[in-house]
Amino acid sequence: GEVLSLKERDYVRAAYSIGTPNSTIIFRHLLPNVLSTVIVVSTLSVGSAIISESSLSFLGLGIQPPDVSWGYMLSEGQTHLSTSWWIATFPGIAISLTVIGFIFLGDWLRDATDPRLQGRA
């Protein structure tokens, strides 16, 4: 959708009208403007995949033992919360920090690669 809206912009139409090859228009005009959107969507998808896998493993539908999963660790630690709270707490913190880290990484990469933000301080 982003590419379709960008290809109707005046600078892309102007480049096309003066005979610029399609590959040059793609790599010089479209790709730099779409890259930041792709990065944000990708990092959000990674965070969503981590949450989905952890949720399925917590319910017993995901990765099965002996493989390690934070969701399974949470599920097993749930039975020991009254005596050993750290068994479930630290995997939950690890899930949260990892997902938040990916979101911040995507935000930083968007700011670093977005040509519309290059001139701003």
PDB file of N, CA and C in Angstrom:
ATOM      1  N   GLY A   1       0.805  -1.188   0.000  1.00  0.00           N
ATOM      2  CA  GLY A   1       0.000   0.000   0.000  1.00  0.00           C
ATOM      3  C   GLY A   1       0.855   1.262   0.000  1.00  0.00           C
ATOM      4  N   GLU A   2       1.947   1.200   0.721  1.00  0.00           N
ATOM      5  CA  GLU A   2       2.845   2.356   0.785  1.00  0.00           C
ATOM      6  C   GLU A   2       3.469   2.633  -0.582  1.00  0.00           C
ATOM      7  N   VAL A   3       3.871   1.583  -1.284  1.00  0.00           N
ATOM      8  CA  VAL A   3       4.473   1.743  -2.609  1.00  0.00           C
ATOM      9  C   VAL A   3       3.453   2.311  -3.585  1.00  0.00           C
ATOM     10  N   LEU A   4       2.208   1.834  -3.496  1.00  0.00           N
ATOM     11  CA  LEU A   4       1.180   2.342  -4.399  1.00  0.00           C
ATOM     12  C   LEU A   4       0.915   3.825  -4.178  1.00  0.00           C
ATOM     13  N   SER A   5       0.958   4.270  -2.945  1.00  0.00           N
ATOM     14  CA  SER A   5       0.753   5.701  -2.697  1.00  0.00           C
ATOM     15  C   SER A   5       1.978   6.522  -3.105  1.00  0.00           C
ATOM     16  N   LEU A   6       3.177   5.946  -2.936  1.00  0.00           N
ATOM     17  CA  LEU A   6       4.388   6.678  -3.305  1.00  0.00           C
ATOM     18  C   LEU A   6       4.554   6.814  -4.812  1.00  0.00           C
ATOM     19  N   LYS A   7       4.101   5.813  -5.557  1.00  0.00           N
ATOM     20  CA  LYS A   7       4.313   5.892  -7.004  1.00  0.00           C
ATOM     21  C   LYS A   7       3.443   6.955  -7.670  1.00  0.00           C
ATOM     22  N   GLU A   8       2.459   7.473  -6.937  1.00  0.00           N
ATOM     23  CA  GLU A   8       1.621   8.549  -7.464  1.00  0.00           C
ATOM     24  C   GLU A   8       2.131   9.928  -7.068  1.00  0.00           C
ATOM     25  N   ARG A   9       3.215   9.991  -6.322  1.00  0.00           N
ATOM     26  CA  ARG A   9       3.776  11.284  -5.922  1.00  0.00           C
ATOM     27  C   ARG A   9       4.398  11.990  -7.118  1.00  0.00           C
ATOM     28  N   ASP A  10       4.512  13.293  -6.996  1.00  0.00           N
ATOM     29  CA  ASP A  10       5.005  14.107  -8.100  1.00  0.00           C
ATOM     30  C   ASP A  10       6.449  13.785  -8.470  1.00  0.00           C
ATOM     31  N   TYR A  11       7.315  13.547  -7.494  1.00  0.00           N
ATOM     32  CA  TYR A  11       8.713  13.302  -7.813  1.00  0.00           C
ATOM     33  C   TYR A  11       8.904  11.985  -8.557  1.00  0.00           C
ATOM     34  N   VAL A  12       8.067  10.989  -8.276  1.00  0.00           N
ATOM     35  CA  VAL A  12       8.156   9.725  -9.008  1.00  0.00           C
ATOM     36  C   VAL A  12       7.607   9.904 -10.417  1.00  0.00           C
ATOM     37  N   ARG A  13       6.521  10.619 -10.542  1.00  0.00           N
ATOM     38  CA  ARG A  13       5.962  10.888 -11.878  1.00  0.00           C
ATOM     39  C   ARG A  13       6.936  11.712 -12.715  1.00  0.00           C
ATOM     40  N   ALA A  14       7.592  12.674 -12.088  1.00  0.00           N
ATOM     41  CA  ALA A  14       8.563  13.496 -12.814  1.00  0.00           C
ATOM     42  C   ALA A  14       9.743  12.653 -13.287  1.00  0.00           C
ATOM     43  N   ALA A  15      10.229  11.769 -12.441  1.00  0.00           N
ATOM     44  CA  ALA A  15      11.343  10.900 -12.838  1.00  0.00           C
ATOM     45  C   ALA A  15      10.925   9.981 -13.980  1.00  0.00           C
ATOM     46  N   TYR A  16       9.707   9.481 -13.929  1.00  0.00           N
ATOM     47  CA  TYR A  16       9.204   8.604 -14.994  1.00  0.00           C
ATOM     48  C   TYR A  16       9.027   9.386 -16.301  1.00  0.00           C
ATOM     49  N   SER A  17       8.575  10.613 -16.191  1.00  0.00           N
ATOM     50  CA  SER A  17       8.297  11.399 -17.399  1.00  0.00           C
ATOM     51  C   SER A  17       9.563  11.822 -18.130  1.00  0.00           C
ATOM     52  N   ILE A  18      10.681  11.933 -17.430  1.00  0.00           N
ATOM     53  CA  ILE A  18      11.920  12.304 -18.115  1.00  0.00           C
ATOM     54  C   ILE A  18      12.693  11.082 -18.599  1.00  0.00           C
ATOM     55  N   GLY A  19      12.106   9.897 -18.434  1.00  0.00           N
ATOM     56  CA  GLY A  19      12.702   8.688 -18.994  1.00  0.00           C
ATOM     57  C   GLY A  19      13.631   7.932 -18.074  1.00  0.00           C
ATOM     58  N   THR A  20      13.545   8.159 -16.794  1.00  0.00           N
ATOM     59  CA  THR A  20      14.370   7.420 -15.844  1.00  0.00           C
ATOM     60  C   THR A  20      13.954   5.951 -15.856  1.00  0.00           C
ATOM     61  N   PRO A  21      14.922   5.027 -15.903  1.00  0.00           N
ATOM     62  CA  PRO A  21      14.566   3.601 -15.913  1.00  0.00           C
ATOM     63  C   PRO A  21      13.816   3.210 -14.630  1.00  0.00           C
ATOM     64  N   ASN A  22      12.956   2.204 -14.771  1.00  0.00           N
ATOM     65  CA  ASN A  22      12.150   1.756 -13.636  1.00  0.00           C
ATOM     66  C   ASN A  22      13.009   1.300 -12.460  1.00  0.00           C
ATOM     67  N   SER A  23      14.123   0.618 -12.752  1.00  0.00           N
ATOM     68  CA  SER A  23      14.990   0.151 -11.662  1.00  0.00           C
ATOM     69  C   SER A  23      15.570   1.325 -10.869  1.00  0.00           C
ATOM     70  N   THR A  24      15.901   2.399 -11.541  1.00  0.00           N
ATOM     71  CA  THR A  24      16.427   3.578 -10.851  1.00  0.00           C
ATOM     72  C   THR A  24      15.349   4.230 -10.000  1.00  0.00           C
ATOM     73  N   ILE A  25      14.138   4.302 -10.525  1.00  0.00           N
ATOM     74  CA  ILE A  25      13.034   4.869  -9.748  1.00  0.00           C
ATOM     75  C   ILE A  25      12.787   4.031  -8.504  1.00  0.00           C
ATOM     76  N   ILE A  26      12.834   2.721  -8.654  1.00  0.00           N
ATOM     77  CA  ILE A  26      12.591   1.831  -7.516  1.00  0.00           C
ATOM     78  C   ILE A  26      13.675   2.003  -6.460  1.00  0.00           C
ATOM     79  N   PHE A  27      14.949   1.936  -6.869  1.00  0.00           N
ATOM     80  CA  PHE A  27      16.036   1.944  -5.890  1.00  0.00           C
ATOM     81  C   PHE A  27      16.377   3.335  -5.363  1.00  0.00           C
ATOM     82  N   ARG A  28      16.084   4.381  -6.112  1.00  0.00           N
ATOM     83  CA  ARG A  28      16.439   5.715  -5.673  1.00  0.00           C
ATOM     84  C   ARG A  28      15.278   6.447  -4.992  1.00  0.00           C
ATOM     85  N   HIS A  29      14.045   6.181  -5.432  1.00  0.00           N
ATOM     86  CA  HIS A  29      12.917   6.945  -4.917  1.00  0.00           C
ATOM     87  C   HIS A  29      11.968   6.131  -4.044  1.00  0.00           C
ATOM     88  N   LEU A  30      11.619   4.937  -4.483  1.00  0.00           N
ATOM     89  CA  LEU A  30      10.619   4.168  -3.748  1.00  0.00           C
ATOM     90  C   LEU A  30      11.205   3.407  -2.556  1.00  0.00           C
ATOM     91  N   LEU A  31      12.280   2.661  -2.786  1.00  0.00           N
ATOM     92  CA  LEU A  31      12.834   1.820  -1.722  1.00  0.00           C
ATOM     93  C   LEU A  31      13.270   2.599  -0.483  1.00  0.00           C
ATOM     94  N   PRO A  32      13.981   3.727  -0.607  1.00  0.00           N
ATOM     95  CA  PRO A  32      14.343   4.466   0.612  1.00  0.00           C
ATOM     96  C   PRO A  32      13.137   4.972   1.405  1.00  0.00           C
ATOM     97  N   ASN A  33      12.045   5.287   0.720  1.00  0.00           N
ATOM     98  CA  ASN A  33      10.863   5.788   1.415  1.00  0.00           C
ATOM     99  C   ASN A  33      10.018   4.673   2.015  1.00  0.00           C
ATOM    100  N   VAL A  34      10.150   3.463   1.511  1.00  0.00           N
ATOM    101  CA  VAL A  34       9.361   2.339   2.011  1.00  0.00           C
ATOM    102  C   VAL A  34      10.136   1.555   3.068  1.00  0.00           C
ATOM    103  N   LEU A  35      11.453   1.682   3.068  1.00  0.00           N
ATOM    104  CA  LEU A  35      12.291   0.883   3.961  1.00  0.00           C
ATOM    105  C   LEU A  35      11.930   1.071   5.430  1.00  0.00           C
ATOM    106  N   SER A  36      11.670   2.290   5.848  1.00  0.00           N
ATOM    107  CA  SER A  36      11.354   2.522   7.261  1.00  0.00           C
ATOM    108  C   SER A  36      10.047   1.836   7.647  1.00  0.00           C
ATOM    109  N   THR A  37       9.065   1.837   6.759  1.00  0.00           N
ATOM    110  CA  THR A  37       7.801   1.162   7.046  1.00  0.00           C
ATOM    111  C   THR A  37       7.996  -0.344   7.140  1.00  0.00           C
ATOM    112  N   VAL A  38       8.789  -0.897   6.253  1.00  0.00           N
ATOM    113  CA  VAL A  38       9.061  -2.339   6.271  1.00  0.00           C
ATOM    114  C   VAL A  38       9.779  -2.730   7.558  1.00  0.00           C
ATOM    115  N   ILE A  39      10.707  -1.913   8.008  1.00  0.00           N
ATOM    116  CA  ILE A  39      11.443  -2.211   9.244  1.00  0.00           C
ATOM    117  C   ILE A  39      10.500  -2.206  10.442  1.00  0.00           C
ATOM    118  N   VAL A  40       9.638  -1.223  10.533  1.00  0.00           N
ATOM    119  CA  VAL A  40       8.706  -1.138  11.661  1.00  0.00           C
ATOM    120  C   VAL A  40       7.759  -2.333  11.665  1.00  0.00           C
ATOM    121  N   VAL A  41       7.208  -2.673  10.518  1.00  0.00           N
ATOM    122  CA  VAL A  41       6.286  -3.814  10.442  1.00  0.00           C
ATOM    123  C   VAL A  41       7.019  -5.112  10.789  1.00  0.00           C
ATOM    124  N   SER A  42       8.255  -5.252  10.339  1.00  0.00           N
ATOM    125  CA  SER A  42       9.024  -6.463  10.628  1.00  0.00           C
ATOM    126  C   SER A  42       9.317  -6.616  12.115  1.00  0.00           C
ATOM    127  N   THR A  43       9.744  -5.540  12.759  1.00  0.00           N
ATOM    128  CA  THR A  43      10.059  -5.652  14.182  1.00  0.00           C
ATOM    129  C   THR A  43       8.803  -5.872  15.023  1.00  0.00           C
ATOM    130  N   LEU A  44       7.696  -5.270  14.623  1.00  0.00           N
ATOM    131  CA  LEU A  44       6.443  -5.543  15.333  1.00  0.00           C
ATOM    132  C   LEU A  44       5.997  -6.988  15.126  1.00  0.00           C
ATOM    133  N   SER A  45       6.273  -7.535  13.948  1.00  0.00           N
ATOM    134  CA  SER A  45       5.925  -8.931  13.683  1.00  0.00           C
ATOM    135  C   SER A  45       6.775  -9.882  14.520  1.00  0.00           C
ATOM    136  N   VAL A  46       8.034  -9.533  14.727  1.00  0.00           N
ATOM    137  CA  VAL A  46       8.886 -10.372  15.577  1.00  0.00           C
ATOM    138  C   VAL A  46       8.353 -10.372  17.006  1.00  0.00           C
ATOM    139  N   GLY A  47       8.001  -9.215  17.522  1.00  0.00           N
ATOM    140  CA  GLY A  47       7.434  -9.136  18.864  1.00  0.00           C
ATOM    141  C   GLY A  47       6.134  -9.903  18.974  1.00  0.00           C
ATOM    142  N   SER A  48       5.308  -9.809  17.956  1.00  0.00           N
ATOM    143  CA  SER A  48       4.046 -10.548  17.942  1.00  0.00           C
ATOM    144  C   SER A  48       4.284 -12.050  17.896  1.00  0.00           C
ATOM    145  N   ALA A  49       5.282 -12.478  17.144  1.00  0.00           N
ATOM    146  CA  ALA A  49       5.602 -13.907  17.073  1.00  0.00           C
ATOM    147  C   ALA A  49       6.102 -14.428  18.418  1.00  0.00           C
ATOM    148  N   ILE A  50       6.890 -13.641  19.124  1.00  0.00           N
ATOM    149  CA  ILE A  50       7.382 -14.051  20.443  1.00  0.00           C
ATOM    150  C   ILE A  50       6.214 -14.201  21.415  1.00  0.00           C
ATOM    151  N   ILE A  51       5.313 -13.237  21.413  1.00  0.00           N
ATOM    152  CA  ILE A  51       4.141 -13.303  22.294  1.00  0.00           C
ATOM    153  C   ILE A  51       3.264 -14.501  21.927  1.00  0.00           C
ATOM    154  N   SER A  52       3.056 -14.737  20.640  1.00  0.00           N
ATOM    155  CA  SER A  52       2.216 -15.860  20.203  1.00  0.00           C
ATOM    156  C   SER A  52       2.821 -17.201  20.606  1.00  0.00           C
ATOM    157  N   GLU A  53       4.134 -17.346  20.384  1.00  0.00           N
ATOM    158  CA  GLU A  53       4.786 -18.597  20.751  1.00  0.00           C
ATOM    159  C   GLU A  53       4.734 -18.812  22.249  1.00  0.00           C
ATOM    160  N   SER A  54       4.972 -17.778  23.018  1.00  0.00           N
ATOM    161  CA  SER A  54       4.938 -17.899  24.474  1.00  0.00           C
ATOM    162  C   SER A  54       3.534 -18.243  24.961  1.00  0.00           C
ATOM    163  N   SER A  55       2.536 -17.636  24.349  1.00  0.00           N
ATOM    164  CA  SER A  55       1.154 -17.917  24.742  1.00  0.00           C
ATOM    165  C   SER A  55       0.779 -19.358  24.438  1.00  0.00           C
ATOM    166  N   LEU A  56       1.130 -19.823  23.250  1.00  0.00           N
ATOM    167  CA  LEU A  56       0.818 -21.204  22.894  1.00  0.00           C
ATOM    168  C   LEU A  56       1.566 -22.191  23.780  1.00  0.00           C
ATOM    169  N   SER A  57       2.823 -21.905  24.077  1.00  0.00           N
ATOM    170  CA  SER A  57       3.589 -22.793  24.957  1.00  0.00           C
ATOM    171  C   SER A  57       3.045 -22.776  26.381  1.00  0.00           C
ATOM    172  N   PHE A  58       2.570 -21.623  26.829  1.00  0.00           N
ATOM    173  CA  PHE A  58       1.964 -21.529  28.157  1.00  0.00           C
ATOM    174  C   PHE A  58       0.726 -22.417  28.246  1.00  0.00           C
ATOM    175  N   LEU A  59      -0.044 -22.445  27.159  1.00  0.00           N
ATOM    176  CA  LEU A  59      -1.251 -23.276  27.127  1.00  0.00           C
ATOM    177  C   LEU A  59      -0.973 -24.743  26.844  1.00  0.00           C
ATOM    178  N   GLY A  60       0.279 -25.064  26.522  1.00  0.00           N
ATOM    179  CA  GLY A  60       0.634 -26.450  26.235  1.00  0.00           C
ATOM    180  C   GLY A  60       0.479 -26.825  24.775  1.00  0.00           C
ATOM    181  N   LEU A  61       0.276 -25.848  23.905  1.00  0.00           N
ATOM    182  CA  LEU A  61       0.071 -26.115  22.485  1.00  0.00           C
ATOM    183  C   LEU A  61       1.288 -25.751  21.639  1.00  0.00           C
ATOM    184  N   GLY A  62       2.310 -25.212  22.240  1.00  0.00           N
ATOM    185  CA  GLY A  62       3.484 -24.752  21.499  1.00  0.00           C
ATOM    186  C   GLY A  62       4.619 -25.750  21.582  1.00  0.00           C
ATOM    187  N   ILE A  63       5.806 -25.244  21.814  1.00  0.00           N
ATOM    188  CA  ILE A  63       7.005 -26.065  21.896  1.00  0.00           C
ATOM    189  C   ILE A  63       6.901 -26.975  23.119  1.00  0.00           C
ATOM    190  N   GLN A  64       7.175 -28.238  22.913  1.00  0.00           N
ATOM    191  CA  GLN A  64       7.053 -29.228  23.976  1.00  0.00           C
ATOM    192  C   GLN A  64       8.428 -29.554  24.567  1.00  0.00           C
ATOM    193  N   PRO A  65       8.456 -29.938  25.847  1.00  0.00           N
ATOM    194  CA  PRO A  65       9.719 -30.335  26.455  1.00  0.00           C
ATOM    195  C   PRO A  65      10.298 -31.542  25.711  1.00  0.00           C
ATOM    196  N   PRO A  66      11.570 -31.656  25.612  1.00  0.00           N
ATOM    197  CA  PRO A  66      12.661 -31.029  26.346  1.00  0.00           C
ATOM    198  C   PRO A  66      13.133 -29.698  25.756  1.00  0.00           C
ATOM    199  N   ASP A  67      12.516 -29.219  24.683  1.00  0.00           N
ATOM    200  CA  ASP A  67      12.904 -27.911  24.157  1.00  0.00           C
ATOM    201  C   ASP A  67      12.485 -26.823  25.131  1.00  0.00           C
ATOM    202  N   VAL A  68      13.245 -25.737  25.137  1.00  0.00           N
ATOM    203  CA  VAL A  68      13.032 -24.664  26.100  1.00  0.00           C
ATOM    204  C   VAL A  68      12.149 -23.569  25.485  1.00  0.00           C
ATOM    205  N   SER A  69      11.192 -23.104  26.273  1.00  0.00           N
ATOM    206  CA  SER A  69      10.331 -22.013  25.848  1.00  0.00           C
ATOM    207  C   SER A  69       9.961 -21.189  27.069  1.00  0.00           C
ATOM    208  N   TRP A  70       9.936 -19.870  26.911  1.00  0.00           N
ATOM    209  CA  TRP A  70       9.568 -19.003  28.024  1.00  0.00           C
ATOM    210  C   TRP A  70       8.118 -19.232  28.440  1.00  0.00           C
ATOM    211  N   GLY A  71       7.253 -19.515  27.495  1.00  0.00           N
ATOM    212  CA  GLY A  71       5.858 -19.778  27.831  1.00  0.00           C
ATOM    213  C   GLY A  71       5.711 -21.030  28.666  1.00  0.00           C
ATOM    214  N   TYR A  72       6.469 -22.065  28.336  1.00  0.00           N
ATOM    215  CA  TYR A  72       6.424 -23.294  29.128  1.00  0.00           C
ATOM    216  C   TYR A  72       7.011 -23.055  30.518  1.00  0.00           C
ATOM    217  N   MET A  73       8.050 -22.237  30.599  1.00  0.00           N
ATOM    218  CA  MET A  73       8.616 -21.895  31.907  1.00  0.00           C
ATOM    219  C   MET A  73       7.587 -21.178  32.771  1.00  0.00           C
ATOM    220  N   LEU A  74       6.822 -20.282  32.168  1.00  0.00           N
ATOM    221  CA  LEU A  74       5.759 -19.602  32.907  1.00  0.00           C
ATOM    222  C   LEU A  74       4.706 -20.591  33.383  1.00  0.00           C
ATOM    223  N   SER A  75       4.354 -21.517  32.528  1.00  0.00           N
ATOM    224  CA  SER A  75       3.340 -22.508  32.869  1.00  0.00           C
ATOM    225  C   SER A  75       3.801 -23.390  34.030  1.00  0.00           C
ATOM    226  N   GLU A  76       5.031 -23.824  33.972  1.00  0.00           N
ATOM    227  CA  GLU A  76       5.568 -24.664  35.049  1.00  0.00           C
ATOM    228  C   GLU A  76       5.762 -23.871  36.331  1.00  0.00           C
ATOM    229  N   GLY A  77       6.161 -22.612  36.211  1.00  0.00           N
ATOM    230  CA  GLY A  77       6.379 -21.782  37.391  1.00  0.00           C
ATOM    231  C   GLY A  77       5.096 -21.361  38.071  1.00  0.00           C
ATOM    232  N   GLN A  78       3.988 -21.434  37.352  1.00  0.00           N
ATOM    233  CA  GLN A  78       2.695 -21.042  37.912  1.00  0.00           C
ATOM    234  C   GLN A  78       2.318 -21.910  39.111  1.00  0.00           C
ATOM    235  N   THR A  79       2.688 -23.160  39.082  1.00  0.00           N
ATOM    236  CA  THR A  79       2.339 -24.061  40.196  1.00  0.00           C
ATOM    237  C   THR A  79       3.199 -23.801  41.432  1.00  0.00           C
ATOM    238  N   HIS A  80       4.313 -23.105  41.269  1.00  0.00           N
ATOM    239  CA  HIS A  80       5.230 -22.867  42.392  1.00  0.00           C
ATOM    240  C   HIS A  80       5.260 -21.406  42.835  1.00  0.00           C
ATOM    241  N   LEU A  81       4.261 -20.624  42.476  1.00  0.00           N
ATOM    242  CA  LEU A  81       4.281 -19.199  42.784  1.00  0.00           C
ATOM    243  C   LEU A  81       4.317 -18.898  44.284  1.00  0.00           C
ATOM    244  N   SER A  82       3.671 -19.695  45.091  1.00  0.00           N
ATOM    245  CA  SER A  82       3.618 -19.399  46.524  1.00  0.00           C
ATOM    246  C   SER A  82       4.956 -19.639  47.216  1.00  0.00           C
ATOM    247  N   THR A  83       5.762 -20.559  46.719  1.00  0.00           N
ATOM    248  CA  THR A  83       7.035 -20.857  47.370  1.00  0.00           C
ATOM    249  C   THR A  83       8.245 -20.344  46.588  1.00  0.00           C
ATOM    250  N   SER A  84       8.196 -20.413  45.266  1.00  0.00           N
ATOM    251  CA  SER A  84       9.337 -20.012  44.429  1.00  0.00           C
ATOM    252  C   SER A  84       8.851 -19.082  43.326  1.00  0.00           C
ATOM    253  N   TRP A  85       8.585 -17.842  43.681  1.00  0.00           N
ATOM    254  CA  TRP A  85       7.990 -16.887  42.753  1.00  0.00           C
ATOM    255  C   TRP A  85       8.880 -16.569  41.568  1.00  0.00           C
ATOM    256  N   TRP A  86      10.198 -16.697  41.727  1.00  0.00           N
ATOM    257  CA  TRP A  86      11.133 -16.315  40.679  1.00  0.00           C
ATOM    258  C   TRP A  86      11.098 -17.261  39.482  1.00  0.00           C
ATOM    259  N   ILE A  87      10.565 -18.463  39.654  1.00  0.00           N
ATOM    260  CA  ILE A  87      10.509 -19.416  38.544  1.00  0.00           C
ATOM    261  C   ILE A  87       9.619 -18.890  37.419  1.00  0.00           C
ATOM    262  N   ALA A  88       8.550 -18.226  37.761  1.00  0.00           N
ATOM    263  CA  ALA A  88       7.657 -17.669  36.744  1.00  0.00           C
ATOM    264  C   ALA A  88       7.936 -16.190  36.474  1.00  0.00           C
ATOM    265  N   THR A  89       8.506 -15.492  37.425  1.00  0.00           N
ATOM    266  CA  THR A  89       8.699 -14.054  37.266  1.00  0.00           C
ATOM    267  C   THR A  89       9.766 -13.721  36.232  1.00  0.00           C
ATOM    268  N   PHE A  90      10.904 -14.376  36.295  1.00  0.00           N
ATOM    269  CA  PHE A  90      12.002 -14.028  35.401  1.00  0.00           C
ATOM    270  C   PHE A  90      11.732 -14.371  33.935  1.00  0.00           C
ATOM    271  N   PRO A  91      11.096 -15.496  33.608  1.00  0.00           N
ATOM    272  CA  PRO A  91      10.717 -15.682  32.196  1.00  0.00           C
ATOM    273  C   PRO A  91       9.707 -14.645  31.716  1.00  0.00           C
ATOM    274  N   GLY A  92       8.780 -14.224  32.569  1.00  0.00           N
ATOM    275  CA  GLY A  92       7.830 -13.178  32.187  1.00  0.00           C
ATOM    276  C   GLY A  92       8.524 -11.850  31.928  1.00  0.00           C
ATOM    277  N   ILE A  93       9.494 -11.520  32.778  1.00  0.00           N
ATOM    278  CA  ILE A  93      10.278 -10.293  32.579  1.00  0.00           C
ATOM    279  C   ILE A  93      11.094 -10.406  31.294  1.00  0.00           C
ATOM    280  N   ALA A  94      11.664 -11.588  31.025  1.00  0.00           N
ATOM    281  CA  ALA A  94      12.459 -11.785  29.806  1.00  0.00           C
ATOM    282  C   ALA A  94      11.599 -11.611  28.554  1.00  0.00           C
ATOM    283  N   ILE A  95      10.390 -12.137  28.561  1.00  0.00           N
ATOM    284  CA  ILE A  95       9.477 -11.968  27.426  1.00  0.00           C
ATOM    285  C   ILE A  95       9.173 -10.484  27.221  1.00  0.00           C
ATOM    286  N   SER A  96       8.835  -9.809  28.294  1.00  0.00           N
ATOM    287  CA  SER A  96       8.481  -8.391  28.198  1.00  0.00           C
ATOM    288  C   SER A  96       9.650  -7.550  27.696  1.00  0.00           C
ATOM    289  N   LEU A  97      10.834  -7.765  28.258  1.00  0.00           N
ATOM    290  CA  LEU A  97      12.001  -6.977  27.846  1.00  0.00           C
ATOM    291  C   LEU A  97      12.403  -7.257  26.409  1.00  0.00           C
ATOM    292  N   THR A  98      12.274  -8.499  25.976  1.00  0.00           N
ATOM    293  CA  THR A  98      12.629  -8.835  24.599  1.00  0.00           C
ATOM    294  C   THR A  98      11.683  -8.175  23.608  1.00  0.00           C
ATOM    295  N   VAL A  99      10.385  -8.247  23.877  1.00  0.00           N
ATOM    296  CA  VAL A  99       9.407  -7.635  22.976  1.00  0.00           C
ATOM    297  C   VAL A  99       9.562  -6.119  22.967  1.00  0.00           C
ATOM    298  N   ILE A 100       9.726  -5.511  24.129  1.00  0.00           N
ATOM    299  CA  ILE A 100       9.931  -4.065  24.197  1.00  0.00           C
ATOM    300  C   ILE A 100      11.231  -3.673  23.507  1.00  0.00           C
ATOM    301  N   GLY A 101      12.271  -4.505  23.643  1.00  0.00           N
ATOM    302  CA  GLY A 101      13.537  -4.249  22.966  1.00  0.00           C
ATOM    303  C   GLY A 101      13.391  -4.257  21.454  1.00  0.00           C
ATOM    304  N   PHE A 102      12.631  -5.212  20.922  1.00  0.00           N
ATOM    305  CA  PHE A 102      12.398  -5.240  19.475  1.00  0.00           C
ATOM    306  C   PHE A 102      11.600  -4.027  19.013  1.00  0.00           C
ATOM    307  N   ILE A 103      10.643  -3.597  19.812  1.00  0.00           N
ATOM    308  CA  ILE A 103       9.864  -2.411  19.448  1.00  0.00           C
ATOM    309  C   ILE A 103      10.755  -1.169  19.432  1.00  0.00           C
ATOM    310  N   PHE A 104      11.602  -1.009  20.436  1.00  0.00           N
ATOM    311  CA  PHE A 104      12.516   0.137  20.462  1.00  0.00           C
ATOM    312  C   PHE A 104      13.544   0.062  19.332  1.00  0.00           C
ATOM    313  N   LEU A 105      14.017  -1.152  19.022  1.00  0.00           N
ATOM    314  CA  LEU A 105      14.948  -1.322  17.913  1.00  0.00           C
ATOM    315  C   LEU A 105      14.297  -0.899  16.604  1.00  0.00           C
ATOM    316  N   GLY A 106      13.062  -1.307  16.385  1.00  0.00           N
ATOM    317  CA  GLY A 106      12.350  -0.911  15.173  1.00  0.00           C
ATOM    318  C   GLY A 106      12.131   0.584  15.100  1.00  0.00           C
ATOM    319  N   ASP A 107      11.818   1.189  16.235  1.00  0.00           N
ATOM    320  CA  ASP A 107      11.618   2.644  16.264  1.00  0.00           C
ATOM    321  C   ASP A 107      12.920   3.382  15.959  1.00  0.00           C
ATOM    322  N   TRP A 108      14.024   2.906  16.527  1.00  0.00           N
ATOM    323  CA  TRP A 108      15.317   3.528  16.273  1.00  0.00           C
ATOM    324  C   TRP A 108      15.725   3.351  14.807  1.00  0.00           C
ATOM    325  N   LEU A 109      15.530   2.149  14.258  1.00  0.00           N
ATOM    326  CA  LEU A 109      15.874   1.926  12.855  1.00  0.00           C
ATOM    327  C   LEU A 109      15.009   2.764  11.925  1.00  0.00           C
ATOM    328  N   ARG A 110      13.746   2.947  12.269  1.00  0.00           N
ATOM    329  CA  ARG A 110      12.877   3.809  11.458  1.00  0.00           C
ATOM    330  C   ARG A 110      13.395   5.233  11.461  1.00  0.00           C
ATOM    331  N   ASP A 111      13.759   5.719  12.638  1.00  0.00           N
ATOM    332  CA  ASP A 111      14.291   7.078  12.727  1.00  0.00           C
ATOM    333  C   ASP A 111      15.610   7.220  11.959  1.00  0.00           C
ATOM    334  N   ALA A 112      16.423   6.160  11.959  1.00  0.00           N
ATOM    335  CA  ALA A 112      17.723   6.223  11.294  1.00  0.00           C
ATOM    336  C   ALA A 112      17.605   6.094   9.783  1.00  0.00           C
ATOM    337  N   THR A 113      16.571   5.419   9.281  1.00  0.00           N
ATOM    338  CA  THR A 113      16.489   5.158   7.843  1.00  0.00           C
ATOM    339  C   THR A 113      15.426   5.961   7.115  1.00  0.00           C
ATOM    340  N   ASP A 114      14.571   6.666   7.815  1.00  0.00           N
ATOM    341  CA  ASP A 114      13.489   7.398   7.166  1.00  0.00           C
ATOM    342  C   ASP A 114      14.033   8.678   6.549  1.00  0.00           C
ATOM    343  N   PRO A 115      13.975   8.806   5.211  1.00  0.00           N
ATOM    344  CA  PRO A 115      14.528  10.012   4.587  1.00  0.00           C
ATOM    345  C   PRO A 115      13.724  11.271   4.910  1.00  0.00           C
ATOM    346  N   ARG A 116      12.488  11.119   5.324  1.00  0.00           N
ATOM    347  CA  ARG A 116      11.680  12.294   5.677  1.00  0.00           C
ATOM    348  C   ARG A 116      12.123  12.900   7.003  1.00  0.00           C
ATOM    349  N   LEU A 117      12.843  12.114   7.821  1.00  0.00           N
ATOM    350  CA  LEU A 117      13.317  12.597   9.111  1.00  0.00           C
ATOM    351  C   LEU A 117      14.808  12.957   9.111  1.00  0.00           C
ATOM    352  N   GLN A 118      15.474  12.854   7.988  1.00  0.00           N
ATOM    353  CA  GLN A 118      16.919  13.063   7.938  1.00  0.00           C
ATOM    354  C   GLN A 118      17.329  14.490   8.275  1.00  0.00           C
ATOM    355  N   GLY A 119      16.568  15.476   7.891  1.00  0.00           N
ATOM    356  CA  GLY A 119      16.959  16.863   8.115  1.00  0.00           C
ATOM    357  C   GLY A 119      16.584  17.401   9.477  1.00  0.00           C
ATOM    358  N   ARG A 120      15.853  16.622  10.267  1.00  0.00           N
ATOM    359  CA  ARG A 120      15.381  17.099  11.576  1.00  0.00           C
ATOM    360  C   ARG A 120      16.350  16.728  12.677  1.00  0.00           C
ATOM    361  N   ALA A 121      16.404  17.524  13.707  1.00  0.00           N
ATOM    362  CA  ALA A 121      17.314  17.264  14.825  1.00  0.00           C
ATOM    363  C   ALA A 121      16.594  16.538  15.928  1.00  0.00           C
TER     364      ALA A 121
END
